Protein backbone atom coordinates (compact mmCIF):
# COMPACT_ATOMS: atom_id res chain seq x y z
CA MET A 1 132.06 121.23 93.48
CA ALA A 2 128.95 121.64 95.61
CA PRO A 3 127.29 125.06 95.72
CA ASN A 4 127.63 127.22 98.79
CA LEU A 5 124.58 126.33 100.90
CA LYS A 6 125.16 128.91 103.60
CA ASN A 7 124.20 131.80 101.38
CA PRO A 8 121.87 131.08 98.47
CA ASN A 9 122.82 134.29 96.71
CA SER A 10 126.58 133.75 96.74
CA ASN A 11 128.24 132.55 93.56
CA SER A 12 129.91 129.17 93.39
CA ARG A 13 133.13 128.43 91.57
CA ASN A 14 131.22 127.84 88.35
CA ASN A 15 129.46 131.19 88.69
CA GLN A 16 126.05 129.48 89.15
CA ARG A 17 123.36 130.48 91.61
CA VAL A 18 121.54 128.03 93.85
CA ASP A 19 117.84 127.85 93.14
CA PRO A 20 116.04 129.35 96.18
CA GLU A 21 113.50 126.50 96.20
CA LEU A 22 116.28 123.90 96.19
CA TYR A 23 118.05 125.78 98.98
CA LYS A 24 114.85 125.78 101.04
CA ARG A 25 114.34 122.02 100.57
CA LEU A 26 117.97 121.24 101.39
CA LYS A 27 117.85 123.38 104.50
CA ALA A 28 114.62 121.66 105.67
CA GLU A 29 116.17 118.23 105.06
CA ALA A 30 119.28 119.19 107.01
CA ALA A 31 117.13 120.39 109.92
CA SER A 32 115.20 117.11 110.15
CA PRO A 33 116.70 114.28 108.12
CA TYR A 34 114.59 111.28 107.06
CA ARG A 35 111.25 112.97 107.86
CA GLY A 36 109.61 111.40 104.80
CA LEU A 37 110.92 107.96 105.73
CA ARG A 38 109.63 108.32 109.30
CA GLN A 39 106.21 109.36 108.05
CA PHE A 40 106.13 106.35 105.72
CA VAL A 41 107.01 104.03 108.62
CA TYR A 42 104.25 105.59 110.76
CA VAL A 43 101.68 105.07 108.01
CA ALA A 44 102.84 101.49 107.33
CA CYS A 45 102.78 100.52 111.02
CA GLY A 46 99.42 102.23 111.50
CA ALA A 47 97.96 100.33 108.55
CA SER A 48 99.35 97.08 109.93
CA GLY A 49 97.82 97.80 113.32
CA PHE A 50 94.49 98.62 111.71
CA ILE A 51 94.46 95.33 109.80
CA GLY A 52 95.32 93.47 113.01
CA ALA A 53 92.53 95.29 114.86
CA VAL A 54 90.04 94.26 112.18
CA VAL A 55 91.14 90.63 112.46
CA PHE A 56 90.86 90.56 116.25
CA PHE A 57 87.53 92.40 116.15
CA ALA A 58 86.26 89.75 113.73
CA GLN A 59 87.40 87.05 116.17
CA LEU A 60 85.50 88.79 118.97
CA ALA A 61 82.40 89.12 116.78
CA ALA A 62 82.60 85.41 115.94
CA GLY A 63 83.05 84.52 119.60
CA ARG A 64 86.31 82.62 119.06
CA GLU A 65 89.10 82.77 121.66
CA ILE A 66 87.66 85.83 123.37
CA ALA A 67 90.16 85.73 126.25
CA ALA A 68 93.09 85.99 123.82
CA ALA A 69 91.46 88.34 121.32
CA ILE A 70 90.60 91.16 123.74
CA PRO A 71 94.20 91.98 124.81
CA ASN A 72 95.40 91.62 121.23
CA LEU A 73 92.69 93.98 120.00
CA GLY A 74 93.69 96.48 122.68
CA LEU A 75 97.33 96.24 121.61
CA GLN A 76 96.45 96.81 117.95
CA ILE A 77 94.30 99.82 118.82
CA GLY A 78 97.19 101.17 120.90
CA VAL A 79 99.58 100.76 117.96
CA VAL A 80 97.22 102.64 115.66
CA ALA A 81 96.78 105.43 118.23
CA LEU A 82 100.55 105.72 118.73
CA MET A 83 101.22 105.92 114.99
CA VAL A 84 98.54 108.59 114.52
CA TRP A 85 100.05 110.61 117.39
CA LEU A 86 103.60 110.31 116.01
CA PHE A 87 102.44 111.23 112.51
CA ARG A 88 100.69 114.33 113.84
CA LEU A 89 103.83 115.33 115.72
CA GLU A 90 105.78 115.11 112.46
CA GLN A 91 103.15 117.21 110.69
CA LYS A 92 103.30 119.88 113.42
CA ALA A 93 107.10 119.98 113.26
CA GLU A 94 106.96 120.35 109.48
CA ARG A 95 104.69 123.40 109.70
CA LYS A 96 107.03 125.27 112.06
């Protein structure tokens, strides 16, 4: 039987108390599920965008396919900026 999560000090059927730290973590997870997964996705997509930006910057530096590399570089920089912004929003929400 699961412990009573509404009141951490109430006794369960087995006369066990819920650890206050566990209660705090469970309550935070219930308030915003999958926060850790979202943060991982933001970091992974940001890293991918950064790698893409480096590749397109190298193409620009080499002078190859400049007309195609400039919009692609801009897109990759936009992806990195978006992921940084979303990650910061998650960090702000976590602190509240």
